[in-house]
N, C-alpha and C. Protein backbone atom coordinates (compact mmCIF):
# COMPACT_ATOMS: atom_id res chain seq x y z
N MET A 1 0.85 -1.24 0.01
CA MET A 1 0.09 -0.01 -0.09
C MET A 1 0.95 1.22 -0.07
N MET A 2 0.53 2.25 -0.84
CA MET A 2 1.22 3.46 -0.77
C MET A 2 0.93 4.23 0.52
N ALA A 3 2.19 4.82 0.96
CA ALA A 3 2.00 5.56 2.26
C ALA A 3 1.73 7.04 1.69
N LEU A 4 0.57 7.67 2.38
CA LEU A 4 0.22 8.89 2.13
C LEU A 4 0.60 9.89 3.22
N PHE A 5 0.73 11.21 2.88
CA PHE A 5 0.77 12.26 3.93
C PHE A 5 -0.28 13.40 3.69
N ASP A 6 -1.11 13.52 4.85
CA ASP A 6 -2.05 14.59 4.77
C ASP A 6 -1.44 15.77 5.16
N SER A 7 -0.98 16.68 4.34
CA SER A 7 -0.21 17.86 4.71
C SER A 7 -0.92 18.92 5.59
N HIS A 8 -2.10 18.76 5.72
CA HIS A 8 -2.82 19.92 6.47
C HIS A 8 -4.36 19.29 6.94
N CYS A 9 -4.34 19.04 8.14
CA CYS A 9 -5.69 18.66 8.78
C CYS A 9 -5.81 19.08 10.20
N HIS A 10 -7.02 18.92 10.66
CA HIS A 10 -7.45 19.41 11.98
C HIS A 10 -8.09 18.36 12.83
N VAL A 11 -7.51 17.22 12.79
CA VAL A 11 -7.98 16.19 13.61
C VAL A 11 -7.88 16.24 15.00
N ASP A 12 -7.16 17.25 15.56
CA ASP A 12 -6.99 17.59 16.98
C ASP A 12 -8.11 18.53 17.34
N GLU A 13 -9.00 18.95 16.51
CA GLU A 13 -10.14 19.91 16.95
C GLU A 13 -11.28 19.12 17.40
N PRO A 14 -12.15 20.05 18.11
CA PRO A 14 -13.21 19.31 18.89
C PRO A 14 -14.19 18.59 18.14
N LYS A 15 -14.32 18.88 16.81
CA LYS A 15 -15.14 18.16 15.97
C LYS A 15 -14.90 16.57 15.90
N PHE A 16 -13.80 16.22 16.25
CA PHE A 16 -13.34 14.91 16.23
C PHE A 16 -13.31 14.36 17.67
N ASP A 17 -13.83 15.05 18.63
CA ASP A 17 -13.70 14.32 19.99
C ASP A 17 -14.44 13.30 20.26
N ASP A 18 -15.51 13.09 19.63
CA ASP A 18 -16.29 11.77 19.92
C ASP A 18 -15.75 10.49 19.30
N ASP A 19 -14.96 10.66 18.28
CA ASP A 19 -14.55 9.37 17.54
C ASP A 19 -13.12 9.63 17.01
N ARG A 20 -12.39 10.29 17.59
CA ARG A 20 -11.06 10.65 17.10
C ARG A 20 -10.36 9.22 16.86
N GLU A 21 -10.29 8.40 18.02
CA GLU A 21 -9.43 7.29 17.72
C GLU A 21 -9.81 6.24 16.50
N ASP A 22 -11.20 6.31 16.15
CA ASP A 22 -11.83 5.66 15.18
C ASP A 22 -11.23 6.22 13.83
N VAL A 23 -11.24 7.61 13.96
CA VAL A 23 -10.73 8.36 12.64
C VAL A 23 -9.48 8.03 12.42
N LEU A 24 -8.48 8.07 13.44
CA LEU A 24 -7.12 7.88 13.34
C LEU A 24 -6.84 6.35 12.67
N THR A 25 -7.63 5.44 13.38
CA THR A 25 -7.65 4.05 12.96
C THR A 25 -7.91 3.96 11.39
N ARG A 26 -9.04 4.59 11.05
CA ARG A 26 -9.34 4.49 9.50
C ARG A 26 -8.27 5.07 8.61
N MET A 27 -7.72 6.12 8.99
CA MET A 27 -6.76 6.76 8.17
C MET A 27 -5.65 6.02 7.96
N ALA A 28 -5.22 5.28 9.11
CA ALA A 28 -3.98 4.50 9.02
C ALA A 28 -4.35 3.19 8.13
N GLU A 29 -5.54 2.64 8.16
CA GLU A 29 -5.89 1.60 7.44
C GLU A 29 -5.93 1.90 5.85
N ALA A 30 -6.29 3.27 5.81
CA ALA A 30 -6.31 3.75 4.39
C ALA A 30 -4.86 3.98 3.73
N GLY A 31 -3.92 3.99 4.58
CA GLY A 31 -2.41 4.10 4.09
C GLY A 31 -1.99 5.80 4.43
N VAL A 32 -2.84 6.54 5.10
CA VAL A 32 -2.31 7.84 5.63
C VAL A 32 -1.66 7.67 6.75
N THR A 33 -0.21 7.56 6.75
CA THR A 33 0.55 7.22 7.88
C THR A 33 1.32 8.48 8.52
N ARG A 34 1.16 9.57 7.61
CA ARG A 34 1.89 10.90 8.14
C ARG A 34 0.81 11.92 8.00
N TYR A 35 0.81 12.83 9.00
CA TYR A 35 -0.12 13.98 8.73
C TYR A 35 0.22 15.31 9.65
N ALA A 36 -0.14 16.31 9.24
CA ALA A 36 0.21 17.66 9.95
C ALA A 36 -1.05 18.36 10.42
N VAL A 37 -1.07 18.59 11.73
CA VAL A 37 -2.15 19.38 12.36
C VAL A 37 -1.63 20.90 12.50
N ILE A 38 -2.54 21.66 12.19
CA ILE A 38 -2.12 23.11 11.95
C ILE A 38 -2.82 24.11 13.03
N GLY A 39 -2.25 24.99 13.53
CA GLY A 39 -2.81 25.91 14.46
C GLY A 39 -3.35 26.92 13.93
N SER A 40 -4.28 27.80 14.35
CA SER A 40 -4.83 28.93 13.90
C SER A 40 -4.81 30.12 14.72
N ASP A 41 -4.56 29.88 16.02
CA ASP A 41 -4.35 30.92 16.95
C ASP A 41 -3.37 30.47 18.05
N MET A 42 -3.06 31.10 19.15
CA MET A 42 -2.26 30.65 20.13
C MET A 42 -2.73 29.47 20.73
N ALA A 43 -3.81 29.39 21.17
CA ALA A 43 -4.40 28.26 21.98
C ALA A 43 -4.36 26.96 21.10
N THR A 44 -4.88 27.06 19.77
CA THR A 44 -4.82 25.78 18.88
C THR A 44 -3.52 25.61 18.56
N SER A 45 -2.61 26.50 18.48
CA SER A 45 -1.19 26.13 17.98
C SER A 45 -0.57 25.33 19.23
N ARG A 46 -0.59 25.65 20.41
CA ARG A 46 -0.18 24.99 21.59
C ARG A 46 -0.76 23.58 21.61
N HIS A 47 -2.06 23.50 21.31
CA HIS A 47 -2.80 22.28 21.32
C HIS A 47 -2.24 21.34 20.12
N SER A 48 -2.09 21.89 18.94
CA SER A 48 -1.48 21.17 17.82
C SER A 48 -0.16 20.64 18.24
N ALA A 49 0.74 21.47 18.80
CA ALA A 49 2.11 20.90 19.10
C ALA A 49 1.99 19.63 20.17
N ASP A 50 1.08 19.83 21.22
CA ASP A 50 0.86 18.96 22.17
C ASP A 50 0.57 17.67 21.58
N PHE A 51 -0.62 17.70 20.63
CA PHE A 51 -1.03 16.46 19.87
C PHE A 51 -0.06 15.81 19.13
N ALA A 52 0.75 16.64 18.33
CA ALA A 52 1.73 15.99 17.60
C ALA A 52 2.75 15.16 18.38
N ALA A 53 3.04 15.87 19.39
CA ALA A 53 4.01 15.17 20.35
C ALA A 53 3.68 13.72 20.87
N ALA A 54 2.26 13.67 21.03
CA ALA A 54 1.73 12.67 21.48
C ALA A 54 1.33 11.50 20.46
N HIS A 55 1.36 11.81 19.34
CA HIS A 55 0.95 10.84 18.20
C HIS A 55 1.90 10.65 17.25
N PRO A 56 2.41 9.24 17.00
CA PRO A 56 3.22 8.94 15.96
C PRO A 56 2.84 9.39 14.63
N GLY A 57 3.74 9.96 13.97
CA GLY A 57 3.32 10.19 12.46
C GLY A 57 2.77 11.53 12.40
N CYS A 58 2.49 12.26 13.48
CA CYS A 58 1.95 13.67 13.33
C CYS A 58 3.00 14.63 13.62
N TYR A 59 2.72 15.61 13.01
CA TYR A 59 3.67 16.81 13.00
C TYR A 59 2.74 18.17 13.07
N ALA A 60 3.27 19.23 13.72
CA ALA A 60 2.58 20.58 13.77
C ALA A 60 2.97 21.58 13.12
N ALA A 61 2.13 22.48 12.81
CA ALA A 61 2.49 23.79 12.26
C ALA A 61 1.76 24.85 13.18
N ILE A 62 2.46 26.01 13.76
CA ILE A 62 2.14 26.93 14.78
C ILE A 62 2.07 28.17 14.14
N GLY A 63 0.90 28.92 14.33
CA GLY A 63 0.75 30.29 13.84
C GLY A 63 -0.63 30.88 13.97
N ILE A 64 -0.64 31.98 13.52
CA ILE A 64 -1.93 32.91 13.79
C ILE A 64 -2.55 33.06 12.32
N HIS A 65 -3.89 32.48 12.33
CA HIS A 65 -4.55 32.61 11.06
C HIS A 65 -5.09 34.11 10.85
N PRO A 66 -5.18 34.41 9.64
CA PRO A 66 -5.64 35.88 9.38
C PRO A 66 -7.03 36.20 10.03
N HIS A 67 -8.00 35.20 10.12
CA HIS A 67 -9.01 35.50 10.83
C HIS A 67 -8.98 35.86 12.35
N GLU A 68 -7.78 35.23 12.86
CA GLU A 68 -7.67 35.59 14.29
C GLU A 68 -6.57 36.60 14.65
N ALA A 69 -6.12 37.23 13.52
CA ALA A 69 -5.11 38.33 13.56
C ALA A 69 -5.41 39.39 14.55
N LYS A 70 -6.74 39.68 14.76
CA LYS A 70 -7.03 40.82 15.69
C LYS A 70 -6.79 40.47 17.12
N GLY A 71 -6.58 39.24 17.42
CA GLY A 71 -6.30 38.91 18.84
C GLY A 71 -4.72 38.84 19.12
N PHE A 72 -3.91 39.05 18.12
CA PHE A 72 -2.25 39.05 18.08
C PHE A 72 -1.81 40.24 19.11
N VAL A 73 -0.95 39.80 19.97
CA VAL A 73 -0.18 40.67 20.77
C VAL A 73 1.38 40.35 20.54
N GLU A 74 2.18 41.35 20.86
CA GLU A 74 3.59 41.14 20.40
C GLU A 74 4.34 39.97 21.23
N ASP A 75 3.92 39.68 22.35
CA ASP A 75 4.39 38.68 23.11
C ASP A 75 4.33 37.11 22.48
N ASP A 76 3.26 37.21 21.49
CA ASP A 76 3.07 35.93 20.80
C ASP A 76 4.05 35.41 19.90
N LEU A 77 4.85 36.28 19.23
CA LEU A 77 5.93 36.00 18.39
C LEU A 77 6.99 35.21 19.29
N GLN A 78 7.32 35.69 20.52
CA GLN A 78 8.28 35.15 21.26
C GLN A 78 7.90 33.62 21.71
N ARG A 79 6.67 33.52 21.82
CA ARG A 79 5.97 32.15 22.38
C ARG A 79 6.16 31.35 21.18
N LEU A 80 5.92 31.64 20.12
CA LEU A 80 5.90 30.92 18.73
C LEU A 80 7.36 30.44 18.54
N ALA A 81 8.28 31.43 18.74
CA ALA A 81 9.75 31.02 18.54
C ALA A 81 10.11 29.86 19.60
N ASP A 82 9.60 30.01 20.76
CA ASP A 82 10.05 29.06 21.88
C ASP A 82 9.38 27.79 21.46
N TRP A 83 8.21 27.75 21.03
CA TRP A 83 7.40 26.35 20.60
C TRP A 83 7.98 25.78 19.42
N SER A 84 8.47 26.56 18.48
CA SER A 84 9.12 25.97 17.25
C SER A 84 10.37 25.13 17.57
N LYS A 85 11.00 25.28 18.73
CA LYS A 85 12.05 24.47 18.99
C LYS A 85 11.55 22.90 19.55
N GLU A 86 10.34 22.81 19.66
CA GLU A 86 9.98 21.36 19.93
C GLU A 86 10.15 20.48 18.79
N GLU A 87 10.49 19.11 18.98
CA GLU A 87 10.77 18.31 17.90
C GLU A 87 9.64 18.07 16.79
N LYS A 88 8.48 18.23 17.28
CA LYS A 88 7.37 17.65 16.19
C LYS A 88 6.84 18.93 15.51
N VAL A 89 7.30 20.14 15.79
CA VAL A 89 6.87 21.37 15.26
C VAL A 89 7.76 21.74 13.97
N VAL A 90 7.17 21.78 12.69
CA VAL A 90 7.83 21.75 11.62
C VAL A 90 7.67 22.94 10.70
N ALA A 91 6.62 23.79 11.16
CA ALA A 91 6.46 24.92 10.13
C ALA A 91 5.75 26.14 10.89
N ILE A 92 5.53 27.30 10.22
CA ILE A 92 4.80 28.46 10.97
C ILE A 92 3.64 28.28 9.95
N GLY A 93 2.39 28.32 10.61
CA GLY A 93 1.16 28.42 9.77
C GLY A 93 -0.08 27.93 10.62
N GLU A 94 -1.25 28.33 10.32
CA GLU A 94 -1.34 28.80 8.85
C GLU A 94 -1.35 30.32 8.97
N ILE A 95 -0.79 30.92 8.12
CA ILE A 95 -0.79 32.37 8.13
C ILE A 95 -1.13 32.98 6.75
N GLY A 96 -1.47 34.21 6.66
CA GLY A 96 -1.78 34.78 5.31
C GLY A 96 -2.75 35.89 5.46
N LEU A 97 -3.52 35.93 4.28
CA LEU A 97 -4.50 36.99 4.11
C LEU A 97 -5.80 36.37 3.70
N ASP A 98 -7.04 36.95 4.39
CA ASP A 98 -8.27 36.47 3.91
C ASP A 98 -9.11 37.82 3.87
N TYR A 99 -9.22 38.28 2.66
CA TYR A 99 -10.06 39.49 2.54
C TYR A 99 -11.36 38.96 1.99
N TYR A 100 -11.75 37.75 1.90
CA TYR A 100 -13.10 37.32 1.62
C TYR A 100 -14.13 37.49 2.81
N TYR A 101 -13.69 36.98 3.92
CA TYR A 101 -14.58 36.97 5.19
C TYR A 101 -14.18 38.36 6.04
N ASP A 102 -12.90 38.89 5.97
CA ASP A 102 -12.59 40.00 6.74
C ASP A 102 -13.00 39.84 8.21
N LEU A 103 -12.63 38.82 8.74
CA LEU A 103 -12.81 38.61 10.12
C LEU A 103 -11.95 39.50 11.13
N SER A 104 -10.84 39.81 10.45
CA SER A 104 -10.04 40.82 11.21
C SER A 104 -9.53 41.84 10.14
N PRO A 105 -9.28 43.17 10.76
CA PRO A 105 -9.16 44.27 9.84
C PRO A 105 -7.94 43.94 8.88
N ARG A 106 -8.24 44.42 7.68
CA ARG A 106 -7.02 43.99 6.50
C ARG A 106 -5.64 44.52 7.02
N GLU A 107 -5.59 45.78 7.48
CA GLU A 107 -4.23 46.24 7.92
C GLU A 107 -3.74 45.44 8.97
N THR A 108 -4.29 44.90 9.95
CA THR A 108 -4.08 44.00 11.07
C THR A 108 -3.51 42.56 10.39
N GLN A 109 -4.32 42.18 9.56
CA GLN A 109 -4.02 40.74 8.91
C GLN A 109 -2.68 40.92 8.27
N MET A 110 -2.31 42.16 7.52
CA MET A 110 -1.16 42.28 6.80
C MET A 110 0.10 42.38 7.84
N THR A 111 -0.09 43.11 8.93
CA THR A 111 1.00 43.29 9.99
C THR A 111 1.28 42.06 10.48
N VAL A 112 0.31 41.16 10.86
CA VAL A 112 0.39 40.10 11.67
C VAL A 112 1.12 38.98 10.67
N CYS A 113 0.70 38.97 9.42
CA CYS A 113 1.18 38.04 8.42
C CYS A 113 2.67 38.18 8.40
N GLU A 114 3.11 39.57 8.06
CA GLU A 114 4.59 39.82 7.72
C GLU A 114 5.31 39.56 9.07
N ALA A 115 4.92 39.72 10.19
CA ALA A 115 5.49 39.51 11.36
C ALA A 115 5.87 38.12 11.50
N GLN A 116 4.99 37.24 11.13
CA GLN A 116 5.06 35.81 11.22
C GLN A 116 5.98 35.28 10.09
N MET A 117 5.98 35.90 8.99
CA MET A 117 6.85 35.58 7.87
C MET A 117 8.37 35.83 8.27
N GLU A 118 8.64 37.00 8.92
CA GLU A 118 9.93 37.37 9.52
C GLU A 118 10.34 36.37 10.41
N LEU A 119 9.45 35.79 11.40
CA LEU A 119 9.80 34.89 12.34
C LEU A 119 10.20 33.65 11.68
N ALA A 120 9.54 33.08 10.66
CA ALA A 120 9.76 31.97 9.88
C ALA A 120 11.34 32.11 9.26
N TRP A 121 11.48 33.32 8.67
CA TRP A 121 12.86 33.60 8.03
C TRP A 121 13.87 33.46 9.13
N GLU A 122 13.69 33.89 10.36
CA GLU A 122 14.62 33.97 11.47
C GLU A 122 15.09 32.40 11.90
N LEU A 123 13.90 31.79 12.02
CA LEU A 123 13.97 30.18 12.44
C LEU A 123 14.26 29.32 11.20
N SER A 124 14.30 29.88 9.95
CA SER A 124 14.59 28.87 8.92
C SER A 124 13.57 27.83 8.81
N LEU A 125 12.25 28.12 9.01
CA LEU A 125 11.18 27.42 8.94
C LEU A 125 10.19 27.63 7.82
N PRO A 126 9.73 26.39 7.09
CA PRO A 126 8.83 26.73 5.96
C PRO A 126 7.59 27.17 6.76
N VAL A 127 6.74 27.70 5.73
CA VAL A 127 5.42 28.37 6.04
C VAL A 127 4.20 27.62 5.27
N ALA A 128 3.09 27.48 5.98
CA ALA A 128 1.85 26.93 5.50
C ALA A 128 1.01 28.27 5.31
N TYR A 129 0.66 28.65 4.05
CA TYR A 129 -0.12 29.95 3.80
C TYR A 129 -1.42 29.63 3.40
N HIS A 130 -2.30 30.68 4.08
CA HIS A 130 -3.78 30.56 3.75
C HIS A 130 -3.84 31.93 3.05
N ILE A 131 -4.37 31.75 1.78
CA ILE A 131 -4.29 32.79 0.95
C ILE A 131 -5.79 33.04 0.04
N ARG A 132 -6.31 34.16 0.42
CA ARG A 132 -7.60 34.70 -0.21
C ARG A 132 -7.49 36.18 -0.67
N HIS A 133 -6.21 36.38 -1.26
CA HIS A 133 -6.13 37.80 -1.80
C HIS A 133 -4.84 37.81 -2.58
N GLN A 134 -4.77 38.46 -3.69
CA GLN A 134 -3.70 38.59 -4.52
C GLN A 134 -2.51 39.40 -3.94
N ASN A 135 -2.90 40.20 -2.83
CA ASN A 135 -1.89 40.80 -2.22
C ASN A 135 -0.74 39.87 -1.48
N MET A 136 -1.16 38.67 -1.13
CA MET A 136 -0.24 37.79 -0.68
C MET A 136 0.87 37.45 -1.60
N LEU A 137 0.76 37.20 -2.77
CA LEU A 137 1.65 37.14 -3.70
C LEU A 137 2.64 38.35 -3.97
N ASP A 138 2.10 39.53 -3.95
CA ASP A 138 2.68 40.69 -4.08
C ASP A 138 3.73 40.83 -2.73
N ILE A 139 3.22 40.33 -1.63
CA ILE A 139 4.20 40.35 -0.55
C ILE A 139 5.41 39.45 -0.71
N MET A 140 4.96 38.20 -1.18
CA MET A 140 5.91 37.24 -1.48
C MET A 140 7.27 37.86 -2.38
N LYS A 141 6.47 38.44 -3.37
CA LYS A 141 7.66 38.77 -4.27
C LYS A 141 8.41 39.94 -3.91
N ARG A 142 7.81 40.75 -2.98
CA ARG A 142 8.67 41.72 -2.43
C ARG A 142 9.71 41.28 -1.41
N HIS A 143 9.58 40.12 -0.91
CA HIS A 143 10.43 39.60 0.12
C HIS A 143 11.17 38.22 -0.36
N LYS A 144 11.33 38.18 -1.79
CA LYS A 144 11.59 36.79 -2.15
C LYS A 144 13.09 36.28 -1.80
N LYS A 145 13.74 37.42 -1.38
CA LYS A 145 15.27 36.91 -1.12
C LYS A 145 15.20 36.24 0.36
N HIS A 146 14.14 36.49 1.05
CA HIS A 146 14.07 35.96 2.50
C HIS A 146 13.29 34.72 2.60
N LEU A 147 12.44 34.50 1.62
CA LEU A 147 11.38 33.21 1.75
C LEU A 147 12.12 31.97 1.97
N THR A 148 11.59 31.33 3.02
CA THR A 148 11.92 29.93 3.31
C THR A 148 11.37 28.79 2.83
N GLY A 149 10.43 28.89 1.68
CA GLY A 149 9.59 28.04 1.26
C GLY A 149 8.58 27.47 2.02
N GLY A 150 7.69 26.44 1.62
CA GLY A 150 6.68 25.98 2.22
C GLY A 150 5.46 25.62 1.42
N ILE A 151 4.24 25.70 1.87
CA ILE A 151 3.07 25.35 1.28
C ILE A 151 2.16 26.37 0.89
N ILE A 152 1.45 26.34 -0.22
CA ILE A 152 0.30 27.21 -0.44
C ILE A 152 -0.84 26.07 -0.28
N HIS A 153 -1.46 26.38 0.86
CA HIS A 153 -2.51 25.47 1.54
C HIS A 153 -3.74 25.82 0.69
N CYS A 154 -4.45 24.45 0.27
CA CYS A 154 -5.64 24.44 -0.33
C CYS A 154 -5.66 25.59 -1.44
N PHE A 155 -4.69 25.19 -2.39
CA PHE A 155 -4.68 26.16 -3.59
C PHE A 155 -6.05 26.16 -4.26
N SER A 156 -6.49 27.40 -4.65
CA SER A 156 -7.79 27.50 -5.26
C SER A 156 -7.64 28.35 -6.67
N GLY A 157 -6.42 28.66 -7.05
CA GLY A 157 -6.26 29.55 -8.14
C GLY A 157 -6.07 28.77 -9.48
N SER A 158 -5.72 29.59 -10.50
CA SER A 158 -5.46 28.93 -11.87
C SER A 158 -3.93 28.52 -12.03
N TRP A 159 -3.73 27.86 -13.08
CA TRP A 159 -2.43 27.44 -13.50
C TRP A 159 -1.49 28.53 -13.63
N GLU A 160 -2.11 29.71 -14.13
CA GLU A 160 -1.06 30.93 -14.22
C GLU A 160 -0.71 31.46 -12.97
N ILE A 161 -1.65 31.45 -11.81
CA ILE A 161 -1.22 31.76 -10.43
C ILE A 161 -0.15 30.79 -9.78
N ALA A 162 -0.48 29.48 -10.09
CA ALA A 162 0.13 28.39 -9.58
C ALA A 162 1.63 28.50 -9.95
N LYS A 163 1.90 29.05 -11.33
CA LYS A 163 3.26 29.03 -11.86
C LYS A 163 4.07 30.26 -11.04
N GLU A 164 3.36 31.12 -10.58
CA GLU A 164 4.08 32.38 -9.84
C GLU A 164 4.53 31.74 -8.44
N TYR A 165 3.72 31.01 -7.82
CA TYR A 165 4.07 30.37 -6.59
C TYR A 165 5.13 29.44 -6.74
N LEU A 166 5.28 28.59 -7.85
CA LEU A 166 6.22 27.70 -8.11
C LEU A 166 7.59 28.38 -8.30
N LYS A 167 7.53 29.52 -8.95
CA LYS A 167 8.78 30.20 -9.24
C LYS A 167 9.47 30.73 -7.80
N LEU A 168 8.48 31.00 -6.75
CA LEU A 168 9.07 31.45 -5.49
C LEU A 168 9.43 30.28 -4.77
N GLY A 169 9.40 29.03 -5.31
CA GLY A 169 9.87 27.91 -4.56
C GLY A 169 8.92 27.09 -3.62
N TYR A 170 7.47 27.46 -3.76
CA TYR A 170 6.49 26.82 -2.94
C TYR A 170 6.11 25.49 -3.47
N PHE A 171 5.50 24.66 -2.61
CA PHE A 171 4.63 23.39 -3.04
C PHE A 171 3.37 23.96 -3.10
N ILE A 172 2.59 23.34 -3.90
CA ILE A 172 1.06 23.69 -4.21
C ILE A 172 0.30 22.40 -3.65
N SER A 173 -0.55 22.70 -2.64
CA SER A 173 -1.30 21.71 -1.99
C SER A 173 -2.81 21.78 -2.52
N PHE A 174 -3.15 20.61 -2.91
CA PHE A 174 -4.75 20.40 -3.37
C PHE A 174 -5.43 19.69 -2.43
N ALA A 175 -6.83 20.24 -2.13
CA ALA A 175 -7.61 19.88 -1.13
C ALA A 175 -8.88 19.36 -1.96
N GLY A 176 -10.06 19.01 -1.12
CA GLY A 176 -11.21 18.42 -1.89
C GLY A 176 -11.84 19.33 -2.94
N PRO A 177 -11.71 20.61 -2.93
CA PRO A 177 -12.21 21.36 -4.19
C PRO A 177 -11.78 21.00 -5.43
N VAL A 178 -10.65 20.38 -5.76
CA VAL A 178 -10.04 20.04 -6.90
C VAL A 178 -11.02 18.78 -7.53
N THR A 179 -11.88 18.13 -6.84
CA THR A 179 -12.68 17.22 -7.03
C THR A 179 -14.04 17.69 -7.68
N PHE A 180 -14.26 19.01 -7.27
CA PHE A 180 -15.69 19.75 -7.63
C PHE A 180 -15.76 19.80 -9.16
N LYS A 181 -17.04 19.62 -9.65
CA LYS A 181 -17.39 19.50 -11.16
C LYS A 181 -17.15 21.13 -11.54
N LYS A 182 -17.35 22.18 -10.85
CA LYS A 182 -17.31 23.54 -11.21
C LYS A 182 -15.95 23.97 -11.04
N ALA A 183 -14.84 23.34 -11.11
CA ALA A 183 -13.42 23.76 -10.84
C ALA A 183 -12.56 23.54 -11.90
N PRO A 184 -12.83 23.83 -13.14
CA PRO A 184 -11.95 23.62 -14.25
C PRO A 184 -10.48 24.32 -14.28
N LYS A 185 -10.53 25.47 -13.81
CA LYS A 185 -9.19 26.06 -13.62
C LYS A 185 -8.35 25.60 -12.61
N LEU A 186 -8.85 25.11 -11.51
CA LEU A 186 -8.22 24.39 -10.48
C LEU A 186 -7.83 23.01 -10.91
N GLN A 187 -8.47 22.32 -11.75
CA GLN A 187 -8.12 21.15 -12.16
C GLN A 187 -7.09 21.19 -13.23
N GLU A 188 -7.16 22.40 -14.09
CA GLU A 188 -5.98 22.54 -14.90
C GLU A 188 -4.74 22.91 -14.45
N ALA A 189 -4.71 23.50 -13.05
CA ALA A 189 -3.59 23.70 -12.38
C ALA A 189 -2.96 22.32 -11.84
N ALA A 190 -3.89 21.31 -11.36
CA ALA A 190 -3.47 20.20 -10.86
C ALA A 190 -2.76 19.38 -11.91
N VAL A 191 -3.14 19.48 -13.13
CA VAL A 191 -2.74 18.63 -14.22
C VAL A 191 -1.16 19.18 -14.55
N ASN A 192 -1.04 20.39 -14.32
CA ASN A 192 0.16 20.99 -14.90
C ASN A 192 1.22 21.14 -13.84
N VAL A 193 0.97 21.19 -12.63
CA VAL A 193 2.01 21.34 -11.47
C VAL A 193 2.90 20.06 -11.65
N PRO A 194 4.18 20.40 -11.52
CA PRO A 194 5.03 19.07 -11.64
C PRO A 194 4.79 18.33 -10.36
N LEU A 195 4.76 16.91 -10.51
CA LEU A 195 4.41 15.95 -9.53
C LEU A 195 5.39 16.15 -8.28
N ASP A 196 6.69 16.60 -8.38
CA ASP A 196 7.58 16.73 -7.30
C ASP A 196 7.18 18.03 -6.61
N ARG A 197 6.30 18.76 -7.07
CA ARG A 197 5.84 20.13 -6.18
C ARG A 197 4.50 20.02 -5.64
N ILE A 198 3.70 18.82 -5.89
CA ILE A 198 2.47 18.76 -5.36
C ILE A 198 2.34 18.12 -4.03
N LEU A 199 1.51 18.51 -3.15
CA LEU A 199 1.17 17.86 -1.93
C LEU A 199 -0.30 17.87 -1.90
N ILE A 200 -0.93 16.89 -1.07
CA ILE A 200 -2.25 16.76 -0.96
C ILE A 200 -2.55 16.82 0.49
N GLU A 201 -3.87 17.22 0.73
CA GLU A 201 -4.43 17.58 2.17
C GLU A 201 -5.84 17.28 2.08
N THR A 202 -6.38 17.31 3.31
CA THR A 202 -7.77 17.17 3.45
C THR A 202 -8.51 18.51 4.07
N ASP A 203 -7.69 19.28 4.88
CA ASP A 203 -8.14 20.22 5.60
C ASP A 203 -9.39 19.73 6.53
N SER A 204 -9.38 18.58 6.65
CA SER A 204 -10.54 17.88 7.41
C SER A 204 -10.62 18.58 8.83
N PRO A 205 -11.83 18.87 9.43
CA PRO A 205 -13.10 18.35 8.98
C PRO A 205 -13.85 19.19 7.87
N TYR A 206 -12.93 20.04 7.16
CA TYR A 206 -13.71 20.97 6.17
C TYR A 206 -13.36 20.39 4.93
N LEU A 207 -13.91 20.88 3.77
CA LEU A 207 -13.73 20.78 2.36
C LEU A 207 -13.64 19.27 1.97
N SER A 208 -14.78 18.54 2.34
CA SER A 208 -14.78 17.21 1.81
C SER A 208 -14.96 17.19 0.28
N PRO A 209 -14.39 16.14 -0.33
CA PRO A 209 -14.16 16.04 -1.82
C PRO A 209 -15.61 15.24 -2.15
N GLU A 210 -15.81 15.30 -3.43
CA GLU A 210 -16.78 14.48 -4.09
C GLU A 210 -16.25 13.00 -3.80
N PRO A 211 -17.08 12.04 -3.72
CA PRO A 211 -18.66 12.03 -3.59
C PRO A 211 -19.14 12.21 -2.09
N VAL A 212 -18.24 12.63 -1.04
CA VAL A 212 -18.78 12.79 0.17
C VAL A 212 -19.00 14.18 0.60
N ARG A 213 -19.01 15.20 -0.37
CA ARG A 213 -19.18 16.45 -0.14
C ARG A 213 -20.37 16.80 0.82
N GLY A 214 -20.20 17.61 1.73
CA GLY A 214 -21.41 17.94 2.58
C GLY A 214 -21.24 17.21 3.94
N ARG A 215 -20.42 16.23 4.12
CA ARG A 215 -20.25 15.34 5.26
C ARG A 215 -18.89 16.00 5.83
N ARG A 216 -18.80 15.61 7.21
CA ARG A 216 -17.36 15.96 7.70
C ARG A 216 -16.41 15.23 7.17
N ASN A 217 -15.29 16.01 6.85
CA ASN A 217 -14.17 15.35 6.24
C ASN A 217 -13.16 14.79 7.13
N GLU A 218 -12.42 13.88 6.71
CA GLU A 218 -11.37 13.20 7.45
C GLU A 218 -10.29 12.71 6.67
N PRO A 219 -9.04 12.47 7.07
CA PRO A 219 -7.84 12.19 6.38
C PRO A 219 -7.92 10.90 5.60
N THR A 220 -8.87 9.97 6.06
CA THR A 220 -9.17 8.98 5.10
C THR A 220 -9.63 8.96 3.81
N ASN A 221 -10.03 10.30 3.43
CA ASN A 221 -10.56 10.75 2.13
C ASN A 221 -9.41 11.17 1.25
């Protein structure tokens, strides 16, 4: 059986509290032997790091999601730096911009994102990016001499946009939406991204693929 790596999931979150062990058993039986759990604020980042430490095959990314940027305080950067020294913490994330929901002010999102990018450069850690605005690519290009690589999480753009991220050294990670019938541009990107630059993820419990769309997602998918 081929061993698979779910590069971005949230099986440590409360939506799995009732049957987490069953979920972990199913994913192992399906060949998903490695996976990364991803923080979205300080509390979930700490939890993800602890979860990874307690589970074989699990790794953690720690960081502040753009939705949660409004809660950022300066001390958070030092805490993230301290936690990054733990063995199973392998990346900063998920960070980025989300101007679709605007759950944090845009200026705050930008400030918090760039502060965490600088932290990743200082620590020489890759970054897991949540991107819902073209400005993120502009920021990356502006700082391209310092980029430490990483993942474009749940890529949702076109092949033309994917090429820009590839030029900057990033891996492109595809999730459930690549299976959706009304996603021809995303499917074109998946066909064209070189195989050695593709990662797969579930983002579970979110973004279930066809034919289980509408149900809770899990790494088995």
